[in-house]
Amino acid sequence: MTMSNTPMAASPLTRAVLEIDEYASGLGWDQPARLFALVDTARLRTQEPGLANQLGLDNSPEVSGLTPIEQEEIPAGKPLDEFLGTIAWPDAVVGCALTVERLMLPPSAETSVPEGLSEAQLAKWVAEHPDRQEVRMSVAVLRDGARESALRLREKDSPTEVLTGSDLVPGLAEALAATFAD
């Protein structure tokens, strides 16, 4: 993973979420959700030098921050919130991140959503809506409560068009933060 488009002034968490967004972007669209553990890069180099080399982390002291490590595939067919409820992280993991694709509607279309639809009917209605937009959401949380997310629209699939912010996907951030709850 490279960080070619990542602003160095950004916080380590922002850099990690943008690195994950860039990695997911390289895989293309129509991908399953992916889960990442976030580990302290300096600690990883000290405690797991072999793994650090595999991940291409050189020994330069200025390389600090967080290293995302992709986890096993999320089981297909299992609801994401159920899957996240089964996770327990080892102490070395300081945070986690998830990248997932969704369809969303612009706020102008939300007023026209038919009442009383089941979740499946609503998903179908959104999927068929002419103004729907495909979005890839990368959300990261740290044990200390810090959060960051990156959103990339399929129609504006460029690193310069990625939105970042700590509160863009609050529900997903809550679900990820809950994986660290005792």
C-alpha atoms as a PDB file:
ATOM      1  CA  MET A   1       0.000   0.000   0.000  1.00  0.00           C
ATOM      2  CA  THR A   2       1.326   3.416  -0.863  1.00  0.00           C
ATOM      3  CA  MET A   3       0.361   6.727   0.584  1.00  0.00           C
ATOM      4  CA  SER A   4       0.982   8.804  -2.532  1.00  0.00           C
ATOM      5  CA  ASN A   5      -2.132  10.961  -2.242  1.00  0.00           C
ATOM      6  CA  THR A   6      -2.223  11.226   1.519  1.00  0.00           C
ATOM      7  CA  PRO A   7      -1.496  14.588   3.117  1.00  0.00           C
ATOM      8  CA  MET A   8       1.371  14.139   5.578  1.00  0.00           C
ATOM      9  CA  ALA A   9      -0.085  16.807   7.871  1.00  0.00           C
ATOM     10  CA  ALA A  10      -3.102  14.594   8.489  1.00  0.00           C
ATOM     11  CA  SER A  11      -3.433  12.646  11.730  1.00  0.00           C
ATOM     12  CA  PRO A  12      -2.210   9.016  11.713  1.00  0.00           C
ATOM     13  CA  LEU A  13      -5.856   7.876  11.775  1.00  0.00           C
ATOM     14  CA  THR A  14      -6.760  10.043   8.763  1.00  0.00           C
ATOM     15  CA  ARG A  15      -3.701   8.755   6.911  1.00  0.00           C
ATOM     16  CA  ALA A  16      -4.688   5.149   7.717  1.00  0.00           C
ATOM     17  CA  VAL A  17      -8.275   5.595   6.506  1.00  0.00           C
ATOM     18  CA  LEU A  18      -7.060   7.249   3.278  1.00  0.00           C
ATOM     19  CA  GLU A  19      -4.519   4.456   2.777  1.00  0.00           C
ATOM     20  CA  ILE A  20      -7.341   1.908   3.124  1.00  0.00           C
ATOM     21  CA  ASP A  21      -9.513   3.912   0.709  1.00  0.00           C
ATOM     22  CA  GLU A  22      -6.667   3.960  -1.817  1.00  0.00           C
ATOM     23  CA  TYR A  23      -6.072   0.221  -1.386  1.00  0.00           C
ATOM     24  CA  ALA A  24      -9.791  -0.540  -1.857  1.00  0.00           C
ATOM     25  CA  SER A  25      -9.840   1.756  -4.873  1.00  0.00           C
ATOM     26  CA  GLY A  26      -7.062  -0.302  -6.455  1.00  0.00           C
ATOM     27  CA  LEU A  27      -9.236  -3.426  -6.159  1.00  0.00           C
ATOM     28  CA  GLY A  28     -12.066  -1.795  -8.109  1.00  0.00           C
ATOM     29  CA  TRP A  29     -15.758  -1.619  -7.353  1.00  0.00           C
ATOM     30  CA  ASP A  30     -18.294  -4.329  -6.515  1.00  0.00           C
ATOM     31  CA  GLN A  31     -16.079  -5.737  -3.770  1.00  0.00           C
ATOM     32  CA  PRO A  32     -17.127  -7.355  -0.491  1.00  0.00           C
ATOM     33  CA  ALA A  33     -16.651  -5.508   2.781  1.00  0.00           C
ATOM     34  CA  ARG A  34     -13.110  -5.726   4.162  1.00  0.00           C
ATOM     35  CA  LEU A  35     -11.988  -5.521   7.771  1.00  0.00           C
ATOM     36  CA  PHE A  36      -8.601  -4.238   8.938  1.00  0.00           C
ATOM     37  CA  ALA A  37      -6.781  -4.250  12.253  1.00  0.00           C
ATOM     38  CA  LEU A  38      -4.841  -1.052  12.951  1.00  0.00           C
ATOM     39  CA  VAL A  39      -1.529  -1.480  14.735  1.00  0.00           C
ATOM     40  CA  ASP A  40       1.069   1.013  15.899  1.00  0.00           C
ATOM     41  CA  THR A  41       3.727   1.001  13.163  1.00  0.00           C
ATOM     42  CA  ALA A  42       6.725   1.595  15.459  1.00  0.00           C
ATOM     43  CA  ARG A  43       5.573  -1.121  17.851  1.00  0.00           C
ATOM     44  CA  LEU A  44       4.990  -3.502  14.931  1.00  0.00           C
ATOM     45  CA  ARG A  45       8.563  -2.935  13.667  1.00  0.00           C
ATOM     46  CA  THR A  46       9.982  -3.615  17.134  1.00  0.00           C
ATOM     47  CA  GLN A  47       7.844  -6.612  18.064  1.00  0.00           C
ATOM     48  CA  GLU A  48       7.233  -8.228  14.650  1.00  0.00           C
ATOM     49  CA  PRO A  49      10.179  -7.284  12.387  1.00  0.00           C
ATOM     50  CA  GLY A  50       9.437 -10.119   9.938  1.00  0.00           C
ATOM     51  CA  LEU A  51       5.840  -8.986   9.474  1.00  0.00           C
ATOM     52  CA  ALA A  52       6.960  -5.354   9.190  1.00  0.00           C
ATOM     53  CA  ASN A  53       9.320  -6.347   6.359  1.00  0.00           C
ATOM     54  CA  GLN A  54       6.547  -8.305   4.631  1.00  0.00           C
ATOM     55  CA  LEU A  55       4.340  -5.204   4.798  1.00  0.00           C
ATOM     56  CA  GLY A  56       7.151  -3.115   3.275  1.00  0.00           C
ATOM     57  CA  LEU A  57       7.691  -0.974   6.369  1.00  0.00           C
ATOM     58  CA  ASP A  58      11.239   0.277   6.250  1.00  0.00           C
ATOM     59  CA  ASN A  59      13.198   1.077   9.371  1.00  0.00           C
ATOM     60  CA  SER A  60      13.214   4.846   8.995  1.00  0.00           C
ATOM     61  CA  PRO A  61      12.299   6.337  12.367  1.00  0.00           C
ATOM     62  CA  GLU A  62      10.061   9.003  10.808  1.00  0.00           C
ATOM     63  CA  VAL A  63       7.642   6.338   9.578  1.00  0.00           C
ATOM     64  CA  SER A  64       5.188   6.453  12.430  1.00  0.00           C
ATOM     65  CA  GLY A  65       1.487   6.113  12.644  1.00  0.00           C
ATOM     66  CA  LEU A  66      -0.819   3.204  12.062  1.00  0.00           C
ATOM     67  CA  THR A  67      -0.461   0.195   9.811  1.00  0.00           C
ATOM     68  CA  PRO A  68      -3.684  -1.392   8.508  1.00  0.00           C
ATOM     69  CA  ILE A  69      -3.568  -5.202   8.339  1.00  0.00           C
ATOM     70  CA  GLU A  70      -6.338  -6.835   6.352  1.00  0.00           C
ATOM     71  CA  GLN A  71      -8.215  -9.545   8.228  1.00  0.00           C
ATOM     72  CA  GLU A  72      -9.868 -12.719   6.955  1.00  0.00           C
ATOM     73  CA  GLU A  73     -12.786 -12.283   4.632  1.00  0.00           C
ATOM     74  CA  ILE A  74     -16.091 -11.344   6.188  1.00  0.00           C
ATOM     75  CA  PRO A  75     -18.418 -14.359   5.788  1.00  0.00           C
ATOM     76  CA  ALA A  76     -20.843 -13.822   2.913  1.00  0.00           C
ATOM     77  CA  GLY A  77     -24.489 -13.754   3.853  1.00  0.00           C
ATOM     78  CA  LYS A  78     -23.876 -12.824   7.484  1.00  0.00           C
ATOM     79  CA  PRO A  79     -25.169  -9.351   8.395  1.00  0.00           C
ATOM     80  CA  LEU A  80     -22.274  -6.991   9.062  1.00  0.00           C
ATOM     81  CA  ASP A  81     -23.468  -5.961  12.533  1.00  0.00           C
ATOM     82  CA  GLU A  82     -23.787  -9.630  13.562  1.00  0.00           C
ATOM     83  CA  PHE A  83     -20.284 -10.368  12.280  1.00  0.00           C
ATOM     84  CA  LEU A  84     -18.800  -7.345  14.081  1.00  0.00           C
ATOM     85  CA  GLY A  85     -20.454  -8.537  17.288  1.00  0.00           C
ATOM     86  CA  THR A  86     -18.284 -11.681  17.201  1.00  0.00           C
ATOM     87  CA  ILE A  87     -14.909  -9.897  17.085  1.00  0.00           C
ATOM     88  CA  ALA A  88     -12.440  -9.694  19.949  1.00  0.00           C
ATOM     89  CA  TRP A  89      -9.157  -7.911  19.219  1.00  0.00           C
ATOM     90  CA  PRO A  90      -5.791  -8.757  20.807  1.00  0.00           C
ATOM     91  CA  ASP A  91      -4.142  -6.015  22.890  1.00  0.00           C
ATOM     92  CA  ALA A  92      -1.632  -5.152  20.136  1.00  0.00           C
ATOM     93  CA  VAL A  93      -4.492  -3.888  17.961  1.00  0.00           C
ATOM     94  CA  VAL A  94      -5.029  -0.177  18.653  1.00  0.00           C
ATOM     95  CA  GLY A  95      -7.930   0.266  16.259  1.00  0.00           C
ATOM     96  CA  CYS A  96      -9.856  -1.248  13.405  1.00  0.00           C
ATOM     97  CA  ALA A  97     -11.291  -0.190  10.081  1.00  0.00           C
ATOM     98  CA  LEU A  98     -13.849  -1.404   7.618  1.00  0.00           C
ATOM     99  CA  THR A  99     -14.407  -0.594   3.985  1.00  0.00           C
ATOM    100  CA  VAL A 100     -17.831  -1.300   2.533  1.00  0.00           C
ATOM    101  CA  GLU A 101     -19.818  -0.286  -0.549  1.00  0.00           C
ATOM    102  CA  ARG A 102     -23.366   1.003  -0.287  1.00  0.00           C
ATOM    103  CA  LEU A 103     -26.012   2.674  -2.393  1.00  0.00           C
ATOM    104  CA  MET A 104     -27.194   6.014  -1.136  1.00  0.00           C
ATOM    105  CA  LEU A 105     -29.644   8.664  -2.218  1.00  0.00           C
ATOM    106  CA  PRO A 106     -29.093  12.401  -2.244  1.00  0.00           C
ATOM    107  CA  PRO A 107     -31.082  14.224   0.481  1.00  0.00           C
ATOM    108  CA  SER A 108     -33.439  15.576  -2.203  1.00  0.00           C
ATOM    109  CA  ALA A 109     -34.618  12.017  -2.970  1.00  0.00           C
ATOM    110  CA  GLU A 110     -35.165  10.986   0.649  1.00  0.00           C
ATOM    111  CA  THR A 111     -38.476  12.849   0.842  1.00  0.00           C
ATOM    112  CA  SER A 112     -39.924  10.581  -1.849  1.00  0.00           C
ATOM    113  CA  VAL A 113     -39.203   7.272  -0.100  1.00  0.00           C
ATOM    114  CA  PRO A 114     -42.453   5.274   0.082  1.00  0.00           C
ATOM    115  CA  GLU A 115     -43.754   4.631   3.600  1.00  0.00           C
ATOM    116  CA  GLY A 116     -43.903   1.199   5.201  1.00  0.00           C
ATOM    117  CA  LEU A 117     -41.343  -0.667   3.120  1.00  0.00           C
ATOM    118  CA  SER A 118     -39.507  -3.651   4.559  1.00  0.00           C
ATOM    119  CA  GLU A 119     -35.712  -3.430   4.605  1.00  0.00           C
ATOM    120  CA  ALA A 120     -35.483  -5.618   1.487  1.00  0.00           C
ATOM    121  CA  GLN A 121     -38.125  -3.554  -0.350  1.00  0.00           C
ATOM    122  CA  LEU A 122     -36.354  -0.339   0.631  1.00  0.00           C
ATOM    123  CA  ALA A 123     -32.997  -1.689  -0.610  1.00  0.00           C
ATOM    124  CA  LYS A 124     -34.629  -2.622  -3.939  1.00  0.00           C
ATOM    125  CA  TRP A 125     -36.317   0.798  -4.202  1.00  0.00           C
ATOM    126  CA  VAL A 126     -32.986   2.589  -3.589  1.00  0.00           C
ATOM    127  CA  ALA A 127     -31.162   0.293  -6.065  1.00  0.00           C
ATOM    128  CA  GLU A 128     -33.673   1.209  -8.787  1.00  0.00           C
ATOM    129  CA  HIS A 129     -33.782   4.942  -8.024  1.00  0.00           C
ATOM    130  CA  PRO A 130     -32.387   7.065 -10.899  1.00  0.00           C
ATOM    131  CA  ASP A 131     -30.505   9.396  -8.496  1.00  0.00           C
ATOM    132  CA  ARG A 132     -28.838   6.635  -6.469  1.00  0.00           C
ATOM    133  CA  GLN A 133     -25.117   6.867  -5.984  1.00  0.00           C
ATOM    134  CA  GLU A 134     -22.685   4.091  -5.249  1.00  0.00           C
ATOM    135  CA  VAL A 135     -20.336   4.989  -2.435  1.00  0.00           C
ATOM    136  CA  ARG A 136     -17.393   3.246  -0.802  1.00  0.00           C
ATOM    137  CA  MET A 137     -17.126   4.014   2.888  1.00  0.00           C
ATOM    138  CA  SER A 138     -13.910   3.425   4.798  1.00  0.00           C
ATOM    139  CA  VAL A 139     -14.393   3.903   8.533  1.00  0.00           C
ATOM    140  CA  ALA A 140     -11.709   3.599  11.213  1.00  0.00           C
ATOM    141  CA  VAL A 141     -11.902   3.786  15.001  1.00  0.00           C
ATOM    142  CA  LEU A 142      -9.285   3.640  17.722  1.00  0.00           C
ATOM    143  CA  ARG A 143      -9.603   2.129  21.190  1.00  0.00           C
ATOM    144  CA  ASP A 144      -9.366   5.658  22.627  1.00  0.00           C
ATOM    145  CA  GLY A 145     -12.559   6.658  20.811  1.00  0.00           C
ATOM    146  CA  ALA A 146     -11.024   8.576  17.890  1.00  0.00           C
ATOM    147  CA  ARG A 147     -12.886   8.082  14.598  1.00  0.00           C
ATOM    148  CA  GLU A 148     -12.291   8.890  10.960  1.00  0.00           C
ATOM    149  CA  SER A 149     -13.990   8.024   7.714  1.00  0.00           C
ATOM    150  CA  ALA A 150     -13.469   8.456   3.998  1.00  0.00           C
ATOM    151  CA  LEU A 151     -16.237   8.411   1.394  1.00  0.00           C
ATOM    152  CA  ARG A 152     -15.661   7.908  -2.320  1.00  0.00           C
ATOM    153  CA  LEU A 153     -18.470   8.134  -4.856  1.00  0.00           C
ATOM    154  CA  ARG A 154     -18.229   5.779  -7.807  1.00  0.00           C
ATOM    155  CA  GLU A 155     -19.064   8.593 -10.207  1.00  0.00           C
ATOM    156  CA  LYS A 156     -16.261  10.744  -8.765  1.00  0.00           C
ATOM    157  CA  ASP A 157     -13.701   7.966  -8.422  1.00  0.00           C
ATOM    158  CA  SER A 158     -10.619  10.063  -7.846  1.00  0.00           C
ATOM    159  CA  PRO A 159      -8.345  10.485  -4.800  1.00  0.00           C
ATOM    160  CA  THR A 160      -8.950  14.242  -4.931  1.00  0.00           C
ATOM    161  CA  GLU A 161     -12.715  13.706  -4.567  1.00  0.00           C
ATOM    162  CA  VAL A 162     -12.581  11.636  -1.356  1.00  0.00           C
ATOM    163  CA  LEU A 163     -14.488  13.215   1.542  1.00  0.00           C
ATOM    164  CA  THR A 164     -13.069  12.717   5.024  1.00  0.00           C
ATOM    165  CA  GLY A 165     -14.548  13.440   8.414  1.00  0.00           C
ATOM    166  CA  SER A 166     -15.017  11.856  11.806  1.00  0.00           C
ATOM    167  CA  ASP A 167     -18.837  11.815  11.693  1.00  0.00           C
ATOM    168  CA  LEU A 168     -19.676  10.824   8.111  1.00  0.00           C
ATOM    169  CA  VAL A 169     -20.810   7.272   8.974  1.00  0.00           C
ATOM    170  CA  PRO A 170     -21.727   7.353  12.684  1.00  0.00           C
ATOM    171  CA  GLY A 171     -23.616   4.026  12.747  1.00  0.00           C
ATOM    172  CA  LEU A 172     -20.704   2.085  11.298  1.00  0.00           C
ATOM    173  CA  ALA A 173     -18.225   3.879  13.575  1.00  0.00           C
ATOM    174  CA  GLU A 174     -20.372   2.894  16.596  1.00  0.00           C
ATOM    175  CA  ALA A 175     -20.439  -0.738  15.457  1.00  0.00           C
ATOM    176  CA  LEU A 176     -16.655  -0.787  15.026  1.00  0.00           C
ATOM    177  CA  ALA A 177     -16.068   0.942  18.373  1.00  0.00           C
ATOM    178  CA  ALA A 178     -18.242  -1.729  20.023  1.00  0.00           C
ATOM    179  CA  THR A 179     -15.687  -4.388  18.945  1.00  0.00           C
ATOM    180  CA  PHE A 180     -13.365  -2.917  21.614  1.00  0.00           C
ATOM    181  CA  ALA A 181     -15.986  -2.821  24.391  1.00  0.00           C
ATOM    182  CA  ASP A 182     -15.384  -5.217  27.244  1.00  0.00           C
END
